[in-house]
Amino acid sequence: MTGEKKIEPFRGSFFGKDVISVEQFTDKKEIEDLFKIATKMKRSVEERKKRDDLKGFCIAELFYQPSTRTYTSFYAAAQRLGVSYFIPLHGMAAYSSTVKGESLPDTIRTIEQTTAADLIILRHPDDSSSEQAALYTQVPIINAGSGTKEHPTQAILDLYTIKEELGKMDGLEVVMLGDLKNGRTIKSLAKLMAVMAPKTKITFVSPTGLEAPLDFIKGLKNKGLVIKETDNLDKVLPSADVLYVTRIQKEWFTDPEEYRRVQGSYIITPELMRKAKRKMIVMHPLPRVEEIDPNFDSDPRVAYFKQMRNGLYTRMALLTAVLRKTV
């Protein structure tokens, strides 16, 4: 019955809880503990060790939106943890239940019953989809991307990448670039930094009309982060420790002409990056379209390929922490 289940703060434990928003994090130690597990998982993968942490468990993965990195890394994470039953449901929008008009709550309840899943991973275009799903199931929901609002597991792997590449998470200057209106990855990462790295300075750089929402900016400032906004990348690039690039998200535009107006507003090239520090990193949640020149890929500051691999480790850590009381 709806309303019986609340989205709980983690309060030091992920066990049995939904992972809906980075706002569930209440303390630095929670993310530090998760990162320790991720590093343990990294060693297991690198050493090709077979794990059986999730032996006997069943996981269902429901994706209503296209995905490569998030979908495959969750799939691989479960397999590498020895999950006994994995139910992959990619392209849910084409399934009979959706075509016939079945509601998300009914679909979630159906999947829980027909698969006997112990955990459901959900990606959906509606902002409140994961919160809604969590109300209608007795097993944990992991938000693998909800509308333009949240992508908590991406934020976790992003912060892990920053820590691994720069050796720290706090006191950095971070530039977030691109479609900040529709981009859910920057919203989750910035919120997570407010908890884990409150001395971070964030500058949002976007074309006119694609600025980060005002209430989102206000919320970050209320949490103590130093926030600036500009449309001039050249001005802020030289001091950046992290340049987090996002694509202009064509799928959220209803007017093709409006998309063409902002398309190609910023392109990261080797020439442009001569203005940046030698010790800094460039990140991107991917996929990219034209916002990063492939000629830049060999630069030692590139971190976007490592981000993808870190997603495997952090999602292995999260699945284990949610499904097992002791890790």
C-alpha atoms as a PDB file:
ATOM      1  CA  MET A   1       0.000   0.000   0.000  1.00  0.00           C
ATOM      2  CA  THR A   2       1.306   3.452  -0.867  1.00  0.00           C
ATOM      3  CA  GLY A   3       2.667   5.614   1.916  1.00  0.00           C
ATOM      4  CA  GLU A   4       3.896   2.753   4.112  1.00  0.00           C
ATOM      5  CA  LYS A   5       7.527   3.057   3.122  1.00  0.00           C
ATOM      6  CA  LYS A   6       9.715   6.116   3.676  1.00  0.00           C
ATOM      7  CA  ILE A   7      12.937   7.040   1.900  1.00  0.00           C
ATOM      8  CA  GLU A   8      15.345   6.780   4.808  1.00  0.00           C
ATOM      9  CA  PRO A   9      18.664   8.547   5.374  1.00  0.00           C
ATOM     10  CA  PHE A  10      21.507   6.029   5.413  1.00  0.00           C
ATOM     11  CA  ARG A  11      22.673   6.945   8.929  1.00  0.00           C
ATOM     12  CA  GLY A  12      25.759   4.787   8.636  1.00  0.00           C
ATOM     13  CA  SER A  13      24.171   1.765   6.955  1.00  0.00           C
ATOM     14  CA  PHE A  14      22.959   0.955   3.442  1.00  0.00           C
ATOM     15  CA  PHE A  15      21.585  -2.464   4.377  1.00  0.00           C
ATOM     16  CA  GLY A  16      18.029  -3.026   3.155  1.00  0.00           C
ATOM     17  CA  LYS A  17      17.565   0.624   2.155  1.00  0.00           C
ATOM     18  CA  ASP A  18      16.487   2.274  -1.070  1.00  0.00           C
ATOM     19  CA  VAL A  19      19.122   4.349  -2.866  1.00  0.00           C
ATOM     20  CA  ILE A  20      17.041   7.161  -4.333  1.00  0.00           C
ATOM     21  CA  SER A  21      18.963  10.392  -3.755  1.00  0.00           C
ATOM     22  CA  VAL A  22      22.389  11.583  -2.685  1.00  0.00           C
ATOM     23  CA  GLU A  23      20.524  13.593  -0.061  1.00  0.00           C
ATOM     24  CA  GLN A  24      20.202  10.326   1.877  1.00  0.00           C
ATOM     25  CA  PHE A  25      23.884  10.692   2.779  1.00  0.00           C
ATOM     26  CA  THR A  26      24.227  12.294   6.191  1.00  0.00           C
ATOM     27  CA  ASP A  27      27.907  11.910   6.989  1.00  0.00           C
ATOM     28  CA  LYS A  28      31.299  11.753   5.275  1.00  0.00           C
ATOM     29  CA  LYS A  29      32.035   8.385   6.833  1.00  0.00           C
ATOM     30  CA  GLU A  30      29.223   6.765   4.843  1.00  0.00           C
ATOM     31  CA  ILE A  31      30.845   7.561   1.512  1.00  0.00           C
ATOM     32  CA  GLU A  32      34.317   6.801   2.857  1.00  0.00           C
ATOM     33  CA  ASP A  33      33.141   3.355   3.975  1.00  0.00           C
ATOM     34  CA  LEU A  34      31.548   2.748   0.563  1.00  0.00           C
ATOM     35  CA  PHE A  35      34.777   3.782  -1.146  1.00  0.00           C
ATOM     36  CA  LYS A  36      36.741   1.298   0.969  1.00  0.00           C
ATOM     37  CA  ILE A  37      34.450  -1.469  -0.264  1.00  0.00           C
ATOM     38  CA  ALA A  38      34.809  -0.184  -3.858  1.00  0.00           C
ATOM     39  CA  THR A  39      38.596  -0.369  -3.585  1.00  0.00           C
ATOM     40  CA  LYS A  40      38.292  -3.935  -2.288  1.00  0.00           C
ATOM     41  CA  MET A  41      36.111  -4.750  -5.299  1.00  0.00           C
ATOM     42  CA  LYS A  42      38.637  -3.109  -7.602  1.00  0.00           C
ATOM     43  CA  ARG A  43      41.351  -5.427  -6.308  1.00  0.00           C
ATOM     44  CA  SER A  44      39.092  -8.444  -6.845  1.00  0.00           C
ATOM     45  CA  VAL A  45      38.442  -7.467 -10.457  1.00  0.00           C
ATOM     46  CA  GLU A  46      42.095  -6.734 -11.175  1.00  0.00           C
ATOM     47  CA  GLU A  47      43.147 -10.039  -9.610  1.00  0.00           C
ATOM     48  CA  ARG A  48      40.315 -11.901 -11.397  1.00  0.00           C
ATOM     49  CA  LYS A  49      39.027 -13.294  -8.123  1.00  0.00           C
ATOM     50  CA  LYS A  50      35.625 -14.967  -8.165  1.00  0.00           C
ATOM     51  CA  ARG A  51      33.263 -13.576  -5.516  1.00  0.00           C
ATOM     52  CA  ASP A  52      30.052 -15.076  -4.153  1.00  0.00           C
ATOM     53  CA  ASP A  53      28.783 -12.142  -2.033  1.00  0.00           C
ATOM     54  CA  LEU A  54      25.393 -12.269  -3.754  1.00  0.00           C
ATOM     55  CA  LYS A  55      25.018 -16.016  -4.185  1.00  0.00           C
ATOM     56  CA  GLY A  56      21.323 -16.911  -3.849  1.00  0.00           C
ATOM     57  CA  PHE A  57      20.112 -13.358  -4.541  1.00  0.00           C
ATOM     58  CA  CYS A  58      17.901 -12.198  -7.421  1.00  0.00           C
ATOM     59  CA  ILE A  59      18.252  -8.725  -8.980  1.00  0.00           C
ATOM     60  CA  ALA A  60      15.948  -7.172 -11.600  1.00  0.00           C
ATOM     61  CA  GLU A  61      17.125  -4.263 -13.753  1.00  0.00           C
ATOM     62  CA  LEU A  62      14.352  -2.152 -15.355  1.00  0.00           C
ATOM     63  CA  PHE A  63      15.451   0.521 -17.828  1.00  0.00           C
ATOM     64  CA  TYR A  64      12.843   2.723 -19.516  1.00  0.00           C
ATOM     65  CA  GLN A  65      15.579   4.844 -21.135  1.00  0.00           C
ATOM     66  CA  PRO A  66      18.538   3.876 -23.321  1.00  0.00           C
ATOM     67  CA  SER A  67      21.751   3.241 -21.414  1.00  0.00           C
ATOM     68  CA  THR A  68      25.129   1.689 -22.047  1.00  0.00           C
ATOM     69  CA  ARG A  69      27.431   2.478 -19.114  1.00  0.00           C
ATOM     70  CA  THR A  70      24.955   2.363 -16.214  1.00  0.00           C
ATOM     71  CA  TYR A  71      23.147  -0.702 -17.539  1.00  0.00           C
ATOM     72  CA  THR A  72      26.216  -2.791 -18.308  1.00  0.00           C
ATOM     73  CA  SER A  73      28.130  -1.823 -15.170  1.00  0.00           C
ATOM     74  CA  PHE A  74      25.223  -2.832 -12.910  1.00  0.00           C
ATOM     75  CA  TYR A  75      24.854  -6.055 -14.890  1.00  0.00           C
ATOM     76  CA  ALA A  76      28.571  -6.816 -14.652  1.00  0.00           C
ATOM     77  CA  ALA A  77      28.674  -5.787 -10.983  1.00  0.00           C
ATOM     78  CA  ALA A  78      25.953  -8.303 -10.110  1.00  0.00           C
ATOM     79  CA  GLN A  79      27.578 -11.065 -12.146  1.00  0.00           C
ATOM     80  CA  ARG A  80      30.999 -10.449 -10.597  1.00  0.00           C
ATOM     81  CA  LEU A  81      29.423 -10.664  -7.138  1.00  0.00           C
ATOM     82  CA  GLY A  82      28.060 -14.114  -7.949  1.00  0.00           C
ATOM     83  CA  VAL A  83      24.358 -13.207  -8.105  1.00  0.00           C
ATOM     84  CA  SER A  84      22.317 -16.337  -8.757  1.00  0.00           C
ATOM     85  CA  TYR A  85      19.506 -14.748 -10.769  1.00  0.00           C
ATOM     86  CA  PHE A  86      19.687 -11.558 -12.833  1.00  0.00           C
ATOM     87  CA  ILE A  87      16.605 -10.325 -14.725  1.00  0.00           C
ATOM     88  CA  PRO A  88      17.700  -7.781 -17.389  1.00  0.00           C
ATOM     89  CA  LEU A  89      14.812  -5.674 -18.722  1.00  0.00           C
ATOM     90  CA  HIS A  90      16.269  -3.109 -21.098  1.00  0.00           C
ATOM     91  CA  GLY A  91      13.913  -1.010 -23.240  1.00  0.00           C
ATOM     92  CA  MET A  92      10.989  -1.301 -20.832  1.00  0.00           C
ATOM     93  CA  ALA A  93       9.032   1.288 -22.839  1.00  0.00           C
ATOM     94  CA  ALA A  94       8.445  -1.404 -25.482  1.00  0.00           C
ATOM     95  CA  TYR A  95       7.200  -4.087 -23.068  1.00  0.00           C
ATOM     96  CA  SER A  96       3.544  -5.061 -23.236  1.00  0.00           C
ATOM     97  CA  SER A  97       2.712  -3.682 -19.790  1.00  0.00           C
ATOM     98  CA  THR A  98       3.889  -0.186 -20.758  1.00  0.00           C
ATOM     99  CA  VAL A  99       2.369  -0.291 -24.255  1.00  0.00           C
ATOM    100  CA  LYS A 100      -0.972  -1.277 -22.707  1.00  0.00           C
ATOM    101  CA  GLY A 101      -0.825   1.642 -20.293  1.00  0.00           C
ATOM    102  CA  GLU A 102       0.141  -0.122 -17.083  1.00  0.00           C
ATOM    103  CA  SER A 103       1.245   2.265 -14.333  1.00  0.00           C
ATOM    104  CA  LEU A 104       4.784   2.243 -12.961  1.00  0.00           C
ATOM    105  CA  PRO A 105       3.587   1.105  -9.485  1.00  0.00           C
ATOM    106  CA  ASP A 106       1.808  -1.900 -11.010  1.00  0.00           C
ATOM    107  CA  THR A 107       4.830  -2.781 -13.141  1.00  0.00           C
ATOM    108  CA  ILE A 108       7.123  -2.587 -10.131  1.00  0.00           C
ATOM    109  CA  ARG A 109       4.809  -4.798  -8.074  1.00  0.00           C
ATOM    110  CA  THR A 110       4.578  -7.227 -10.994  1.00  0.00           C
ATOM    111  CA  ILE A 111       8.346  -7.540 -11.367  1.00  0.00           C
ATOM    112  CA  GLU A 112       8.796  -8.027  -7.631  1.00  0.00           C
ATOM    113  CA  GLN A 113       6.265 -10.871  -7.656  1.00  0.00           C
ATOM    114  CA  THR A 114       7.110 -12.599 -10.947  1.00  0.00           C
ATOM    115  CA  THR A 115      10.872 -12.639 -10.366  1.00  0.00           C
ATOM    116  CA  ALA A 116      11.033 -12.822  -6.540  1.00  0.00           C
ATOM    117  CA  ALA A 117      13.656 -10.079  -6.836  1.00  0.00           C
ATOM    118  CA  ASP A 118      15.605  -9.064  -3.737  1.00  0.00           C
ATOM    119  CA  LEU A 119      16.451  -5.683  -5.296  1.00  0.00           C
ATOM    120  CA  ILE A 120      15.270  -3.657  -8.302  1.00  0.00           C
ATOM    121  CA  ILE A 121      17.442  -1.231 -10.291  1.00  0.00           C
ATOM    122  CA  LEU A 122      15.336   1.398 -12.080  1.00  0.00           C
ATOM    123  CA  ARG A 123      15.974   4.017 -14.754  1.00  0.00           C
ATOM    124  CA  HIS A 124      12.982   6.092 -15.814  1.00  0.00           C
ATOM    125  CA  PRO A 125      12.326   9.485 -17.506  1.00  0.00           C
ATOM    126  CA  ASP A 126      10.086  10.816 -14.693  1.00  0.00           C
ATOM    127  CA  ASP A 127      11.771  12.848 -11.947  1.00  0.00           C
ATOM    128  CA  SER A 128       9.866  11.143  -9.131  1.00  0.00           C
ATOM    129  CA  SER A 129       9.919   7.619 -10.574  1.00  0.00           C
ATOM    130  CA  SER A 130      12.286   6.041  -8.044  1.00  0.00           C
ATOM    131  CA  GLU A 131      10.514   7.572  -5.041  1.00  0.00           C
ATOM    132  CA  GLN A 132       7.212   6.339  -6.438  1.00  0.00           C
ATOM    133  CA  ALA A 133       8.553   2.851  -7.120  1.00  0.00           C
ATOM    134  CA  ALA A 134       9.950   2.596  -3.599  1.00  0.00           C
ATOM    135  CA  LEU A 135       6.489   3.144  -2.129  1.00  0.00           C
ATOM    136  CA  TYR A 136       5.057   0.128  -3.929  1.00  0.00           C
ATOM    137  CA  THR A 137       7.615  -2.568  -3.249  1.00  0.00           C
ATOM    138  CA  GLN A 138       9.001  -4.288  -0.186  1.00  0.00           C
ATOM    139  CA  VAL A 139      12.508  -4.679  -1.656  1.00  0.00           C
ATOM    140  CA  PRO A 140      15.149  -1.965  -2.124  1.00  0.00           C
ATOM    141  CA  ILE A 141      15.022   0.263  -5.205  1.00  0.00           C
ATOM    142  CA  ILE A 142      18.264   1.670  -6.626  1.00  0.00           C
ATOM    143  CA  ASN A 143      17.804   4.798  -8.719  1.00  0.00           C
ATOM    144  CA  ALA A 144      19.843   4.386 -11.909  1.00  0.00           C
ATOM    145  CA  GLY A 145      18.724   7.789 -13.227  1.00  0.00           C
ATOM    146  CA  SER A 146      15.389   9.572 -12.794  1.00  0.00           C
ATOM    147  CA  GLY A 147      14.367  12.241 -15.290  1.00  0.00           C
ATOM    148  CA  THR A 148      16.467  15.409 -15.090  1.00  0.00           C
ATOM    149  CA  LYS A 149      16.598  15.286 -11.290  1.00  0.00           C
ATOM    150  CA  GLU A 150      18.872  12.587  -9.872  1.00  0.00           C
ATOM    151  CA  HIS A 151      21.546  10.031 -10.736  1.00  0.00           C
ATOM    152  CA  PRO A 152      22.985   9.068  -7.338  1.00  0.00           C
ATOM    153  CA  THR A 153      25.132   6.110  -8.398  1.00  0.00           C
ATOM    154  CA  GLN A 154      26.788   8.306 -11.057  1.00  0.00           C
ATOM    155  CA  ALA A 155      27.601  10.880  -8.380  1.00  0.00           C
ATOM    156  CA  ILE A 156      29.170   8.171  -6.223  1.00  0.00           C
ATOM    157  CA  LEU A 157      31.421   6.947  -9.036  1.00  0.00           C
ATOM    158  CA  ASP A 158      32.246  10.547 -10.009  1.00  0.00           C
ATOM    159  CA  LEU A 159      33.380  11.450  -6.512  1.00  0.00           C
ATOM    160  CA  TYR A 160      35.326   8.197  -6.271  1.00  0.00           C
ATOM    161  CA  THR A 161      37.091   9.123  -9.530  1.00  0.00           C
ATOM    162  CA  ILE A 162      38.012  12.559  -8.164  1.00  0.00           C
ATOM    163  CA  LYS A 163      39.449  10.980  -5.023  1.00  0.00           C
ATOM    164  CA  GLU A 164      41.399   8.355  -6.975  1.00  0.00           C
ATOM    165  CA  GLU A 165      42.795  10.811  -9.519  1.00  0.00           C
ATOM    166  CA  LEU A 166      43.521  13.847  -7.325  1.00  0.00           C
ATOM    167  CA  GLY A 167      43.995  12.195  -3.935  1.00  0.00           C
ATOM    168  CA  LYS A 168      41.314  14.259  -2.213  1.00  0.00           C
ATOM    169  CA  MET A 169      37.678  15.309  -2.521  1.00  0.00           C
ATOM    170  CA  ASP A 170      37.535  18.626  -0.681  1.00  0.00           C
ATOM    171  CA  GLY A 171      38.956  22.107  -1.262  1.00  0.00           C
ATOM    172  CA  LEU A 172      38.911  21.785  -5.052  1.00  0.00           C
ATOM    173  CA  GLU A 173      37.725  24.147  -7.772  1.00  0.00           C
ATOM    174  CA  VAL A 174      35.212  22.288  -9.933  1.00  0.00           C
ATOM    175  CA  VAL A 175      33.835  23.609 -13.225  1.00  0.00           C
ATOM    176  CA  MET A 176      30.609  21.972 -14.419  1.00  0.00           C
ATOM    177  CA  LEU A 177      29.970  22.641 -18.094  1.00  0.00           C
ATOM    178  CA  GLY A 178      27.125  22.151 -20.558  1.00  0.00           C
ATOM    179  CA  ASP A 179      23.416  21.431 -20.211  1.00  0.00           C
ATOM    180  CA  LEU A 180      22.964  22.182 -16.525  1.00  0.00           C
ATOM    181  CA  LYS A 181      19.204  22.589 -16.811  1.00  0.00           C
ATOM    182  CA  ASN A 182      18.525  19.010 -17.888  1.00  0.00           C
ATOM    183  CA  GLY A 183      21.673  17.270 -16.669  1.00  0.00           C
ATOM    184  CA  ARG A 184      20.950  15.012 -13.694  1.00  0.00           C
ATOM    185  CA  THR A 185      24.578  13.988 -13.159  1.00  0.00           C
ATOM    186  CA  ILE A 186      25.776  17.464 -12.194  1.00  0.00           C
ATOM    187  CA  LYS A 187      22.872  17.916  -9.806  1.00  0.00           C
ATOM    188  CA  SER A 188      23.636  14.718  -7.917  1.00  0.00           C
ATOM    189  CA  LEU A 189      27.402  15.299  -7.845  1.00  0.00           C
ATOM    190  CA  ALA A 190      27.057  18.866  -6.559  1.00  0.00           C
ATOM    191  CA  LYS A 191      24.646  17.737  -3.822  1.00  0.00           C
ATOM    192  CA  LEU A 192      26.981  14.938  -2.793  1.00  0.00           C
ATOM    193  CA  MET A 193      29.880  17.372  -2.622  1.00  0.00           C
ATOM    194  CA  ALA A 194      27.841  19.549  -0.267  1.00  0.00           C
ATOM    195  CA  VAL A 195      27.914  16.625   2.185  1.00  0.00           C
ATOM    196  CA  MET A 196      31.311  15.118   1.472  1.00  0.00           C
ATOM    197  CA  ALA A 197      33.367  18.098   0.327  1.00  0.00           C
ATOM    198  CA  PRO A 198      31.817  21.327   1.694  1.00  0.00           C
ATOM    199  CA  LYS A 199      34.943  23.403   0.948  1.00  0.00           C
ATOM    200  CA  THR A 200      34.541  22.808  -2.780  1.00  0.00           C
ATOM    201  CA  LYS A 201      34.106  25.803  -5.070  1.00  0.00           C
ATOM    202  CA  ILE A 202      31.783  25.065  -7.988  1.00  0.00           C
ATOM    203  CA  THR A 203      31.428  27.194 -11.103  1.00  0.00           C
ATOM    204  CA  PHE A 204      28.541  26.398 -13.435  1.00  0.00           C
ATOM    205  CA  VAL A 205      29.166  27.219 -17.106  1.00  0.00           C
ATOM    206  CA  SER A 206      26.314  26.891 -19.582  1.00  0.00           C
ATOM    207  CA  PRO A 207      24.739  28.440 -22.685  1.00  0.00           C
ATOM    208  CA  THR A 208      21.917  30.931 -22.116  1.00  0.00           C
ATOM    209  CA  GLY A 209      18.726  29.040 -21.375  1.00  0.00           C
ATOM    210  CA  LEU A 210      20.457  25.926 -20.039  1.00  0.00           C
ATOM    211  CA  GLU A 211      21.516  27.307 -16.655  1.00  0.00           C
ATOM    212  CA  ALA A 212      21.170  25.209 -13.516  1.00  0.00           C
ATOM    213  CA  PRO A 213      17.737  25.688 -11.870  1.00  0.00           C
ATOM    214  CA  LEU A 214      17.546  28.563  -9.381  1.00  0.00           C
ATOM    215  CA  ASP A 215      16.147  26.456  -6.537  1.00  0.00           C
ATOM    216  CA  PHE A 216      18.969  23.961  -7.030  1.00  0.00           C
ATOM    217  CA  ILE A 217      21.596  26.745  -6.843  1.00  0.00           C
ATOM    218  CA  LYS A 218      19.933  28.206  -3.770  1.00  0.00           C
ATOM    219  CA  GLY A 219      19.936  24.824  -2.055  1.00  0.00           C
ATOM    220  CA  LEU A 220      23.678  24.376  -2.642  1.00  0.00           C
ATOM    221  CA  LYS A 221      24.447  27.831  -1.292  1.00  0.00           C
ATOM    222  CA  ASN A 222      22.336  27.120   1.785  1.00  0.00           C
ATOM    223  CA  LYS A 223      24.518  24.075   2.401  1.00  0.00           C
ATOM    224  CA  GLY A 224      27.635  26.255   2.391  1.00  0.00           C
ATOM    225  CA  LEU A 225      29.101  25.638  -1.052  1.00  0.00           C
ATOM    226  CA  VAL A 226      30.674  28.566  -2.911  1.00  0.00           C
ATOM    227  CA  ILE A 227      28.787  28.745  -6.219  1.00  0.00           C
ATOM    228  CA  LYS A 228      29.454  30.915  -9.257  1.00  0.00           C
ATOM    229  CA  GLU A 229      27.750  31.042 -12.663  1.00  0.00           C
ATOM    230  CA  THR A 230      29.062  32.213 -16.024  1.00  0.00           C
ATOM    231  CA  ASP A 231      28.897  31.474 -19.738  1.00  0.00           C
ATOM    232  CA  ASN A 232      32.632  32.141 -20.179  1.00  0.00           C
ATOM    233  CA  LEU A 233      34.664  28.914 -19.959  1.00  0.00           C
ATOM    234  CA  ASP A 234      37.961  30.615 -20.869  1.00  0.00           C
ATOM    235  CA  LYS A 235      37.725  32.782 -17.753  1.00  0.00           C
ATOM    236  CA  VAL A 236      37.420  29.927 -15.243  1.00  0.00           C
ATOM    237  CA  LEU A 237      39.339  27.085 -16.926  1.00  0.00           C
ATOM    238  CA  PRO A 238      42.866  28.093 -15.785  1.00  0.00           C
ATOM    239  CA  SER A 239      42.078  27.572 -12.084  1.00  0.00           C
ATOM    240  CA  ALA A 240      39.967  24.412 -12.416  1.00  0.00           C
ATOM    241  CA  ASP A 241      41.036  21.213 -10.649  1.00  0.00           C
ATOM    242  CA  VAL A 242      38.116  19.342 -12.217  1.00  0.00           C
ATOM    243  CA  LEU A 243      36.369  20.119 -15.499  1.00  0.00           C
ATOM    244  CA  TYR A 244      33.131  18.131 -15.598  1.00  0.00           C
ATOM    245  CA  VAL A 245      31.755  18.244 -19.147  1.00  0.00           C
ATOM    246  CA  THR A 246      28.190  17.290 -20.096  1.00  0.00           C
ATOM    247  CA  ARG A 247      26.531  17.079 -23.493  1.00  0.00           C
ATOM    248  CA  ILE A 248      23.647  19.232 -24.668  1.00  0.00           C
ATOM    249  CA  GLN A 249      20.812  16.764 -24.119  1.00  0.00           C
ATOM    250  CA  LYS A 250      18.834  16.740 -27.347  1.00  0.00           C
ATOM    251  CA  GLU A 251      16.203  14.331 -26.006  1.00  0.00           C
ATOM    252  CA  TRP A 252      14.806  16.977 -23.620  1.00  0.00           C
ATOM    253  CA  PHE A 253      14.249  19.610 -26.351  1.00  0.00           C
ATOM    254  CA  THR A 254      10.790  19.941 -27.904  1.00  0.00           C
ATOM    255  CA  ASP A 255      11.916  22.589 -30.425  1.00  0.00           C
ATOM    256  CA  PRO A 256      14.645  21.397 -32.880  1.00  0.00           C
ATOM    257  CA  GLU A 257      15.599  24.989 -33.633  1.00  0.00           C
ATOM    258  CA  GLU A 258      16.234  25.652 -29.939  1.00  0.00           C
ATOM    259  CA  TYR A 259      18.575  22.664 -29.823  1.00  0.00           C
ATOM    260  CA  ARG A 260      20.467  23.844 -32.907  1.00  0.00           C
ATOM    261  CA  ARG A 261      20.927  27.244 -31.254  1.00  0.00           C
ATOM    262  CA  VAL A 262      22.924  25.790 -28.361  1.00  0.00           C
ATOM    263  CA  GLN A 263      24.496  22.796 -30.127  1.00  0.00           C
ATOM    264  CA  GLY A 264      28.290  22.970 -30.074  1.00  0.00           C
ATOM    265  CA  SER A 265      28.373  25.863 -27.594  1.00  0.00           C
ATOM    266  CA  TYR A 266      31.493  24.451 -25.929  1.00  0.00           C
ATOM    267  CA  ILE A 267      34.001  22.025 -27.397  1.00  0.00           C
ATOM    268  CA  ILE A 268      36.998  20.763 -25.422  1.00  0.00           C
ATOM    269  CA  THR A 269      40.044  20.628 -27.698  1.00  0.00           C
ATOM    270  CA  PRO A 270      43.786  20.126 -27.111  1.00  0.00           C
ATOM    271  CA  GLU A 271      44.279  23.787 -27.958  1.00  0.00           C
ATOM    272  CA  LEU A 272      41.731  24.979 -25.418  1.00  0.00           C
ATOM    273  CA  MET A 273      43.178  22.739 -22.709  1.00  0.00           C
ATOM    274  CA  ARG A 274      46.544  24.487 -22.965  1.00  0.00           C
ATOM    275  CA  LYS A 275      44.906  27.117 -20.776  1.00  0.00           C
ATOM    276  CA  ALA A 276      44.243  24.569 -18.006  1.00  0.00           C
ATOM    277  CA  LYS A 277      46.565  23.362 -15.267  1.00  0.00           C
ATOM    278  CA  ARG A 278      48.803  20.352 -15.861  1.00  0.00           C
ATOM    279  CA  LYS A 279      47.533  18.665 -12.715  1.00  0.00           C
ATOM    280  CA  MET A 280      43.761  18.577 -13.138  1.00  0.00           C
ATOM    281  CA  ILE A 281      41.232  16.159 -14.609  1.00  0.00           C
ATOM    282  CA  VAL A 282      38.554  16.263 -17.287  1.00  0.00           C
ATOM    283  CA  MET A 283      35.435  14.195 -16.603  1.00  0.00           C
ATOM    284  CA  HIS A 284      32.308  13.367 -18.591  1.00  0.00           C
ATOM    285  CA  PRO A 285      29.428  11.012 -17.680  1.00  0.00           C
ATOM    286  CA  LEU A 286      29.180  10.051 -21.374  1.00  0.00           C
ATOM    287  CA  PRO A 287      27.939   9.535 -24.003  1.00  0.00           C
ATOM    288  CA  ARG A 288      29.585  12.478 -25.710  1.00  0.00           C
ATOM    289  CA  VAL A 289      28.426  13.956 -28.985  1.00  0.00           C
ATOM    290  CA  GLU A 290      30.755  16.750 -30.079  1.00  0.00           C
ATOM    291  CA  GLU A 291      31.647  18.485 -26.812  1.00  0.00           C
ATOM    292  CA  ILE A 292      35.037  16.749 -26.435  1.00  0.00           C
ATOM    293  CA  ASP A 293      37.357  16.440 -29.430  1.00  0.00           C
ATOM    294  CA  PRO A 294      38.605  12.802 -29.662  1.00  0.00           C
ATOM    295  CA  ASN A 295      42.068  14.235 -30.289  1.00  0.00           C
ATOM    296  CA  PHE A 296      42.117  15.145 -26.593  1.00  0.00           C
ATOM    297  CA  ASP A 297      41.572  11.533 -25.477  1.00  0.00           C
ATOM    298  CA  SER A 298      45.286  10.749 -25.137  1.00  0.00           C
ATOM    299  CA  ASP A 299      45.902  13.654 -22.741  1.00  0.00           C
ATOM    300  CA  PRO A 300      46.973  12.435 -19.253  1.00  0.00           C
ATOM    301  CA  ARG A 301      44.296  14.670 -17.701  1.00  0.00           C
ATOM    302  CA  VAL A 302      41.518  12.614 -19.290  1.00  0.00           C
ATOM    303  CA  ALA A 303      39.504  10.795 -16.610  1.00  0.00           C
ATOM    304  CA  TYR A 304      36.256   9.968 -18.433  1.00  0.00           C
ATOM    305  CA  PHE A 305      37.311   6.464 -19.436  1.00  0.00           C
ATOM    306  CA  LYS A 306      38.440   5.707 -15.894  1.00  0.00           C
ATOM    307  CA  GLN A 307      35.056   6.962 -14.682  1.00  0.00           C
ATOM    308  CA  MET A 308      33.375   4.107 -16.528  1.00  0.00           C
ATOM    309  CA  ARG A 309      35.539   1.454 -14.857  1.00  0.00           C
ATOM    310  CA  ASN A 310      35.070   3.098 -11.464  1.00  0.00           C
ATOM    311  CA  GLY A 311      31.334   2.702 -12.005  1.00  0.00           C
ATOM    312  CA  LEU A 312      31.811  -1.056 -11.923  1.00  0.00           C
ATOM    313  CA  TYR A 313      33.663  -0.942  -8.592  1.00  0.00           C
ATOM    314  CA  THR A 314      31.320   1.490  -6.854  1.00  0.00           C
ATOM    315  CA  ARG A 315      28.193  -0.327  -8.042  1.00  0.00           C
ATOM    316  CA  MET A 316      29.632  -3.622  -6.845  1.00  0.00           C
ATOM    317  CA  ALA A 317      30.190  -1.932  -3.492  1.00  0.00           C
ATOM    318  CA  LEU A 318      26.666  -0.503  -3.373  1.00  0.00           C
ATOM    319  CA  LEU A 319      24.895  -3.741  -4.320  1.00  0.00           C
ATOM    320  CA  THR A 320      26.800  -5.603  -1.640  1.00  0.00           C
ATOM    321  CA  ALA A 321      26.189  -2.946   1.005  1.00  0.00           C
ATOM    322  CA  VAL A 322      22.432  -2.864   0.319  1.00  0.00           C
ATOM    323  CA  LEU A 323      21.932  -6.641   0.215  1.00  0.00           C
ATOM    324  CA  ARG A 324      24.339  -7.846   2.905  1.00  0.00           C
ATOM    325  CA  LYS A 325      24.443  -6.718   6.513  1.00  0.00           C
ATOM    326  CA  THR A 326      28.179  -7.279   6.761  1.00  0.00           C
ATOM    327  CA  VAL A 327      30.594  -6.712   3.895  1.00  0.00           C
END
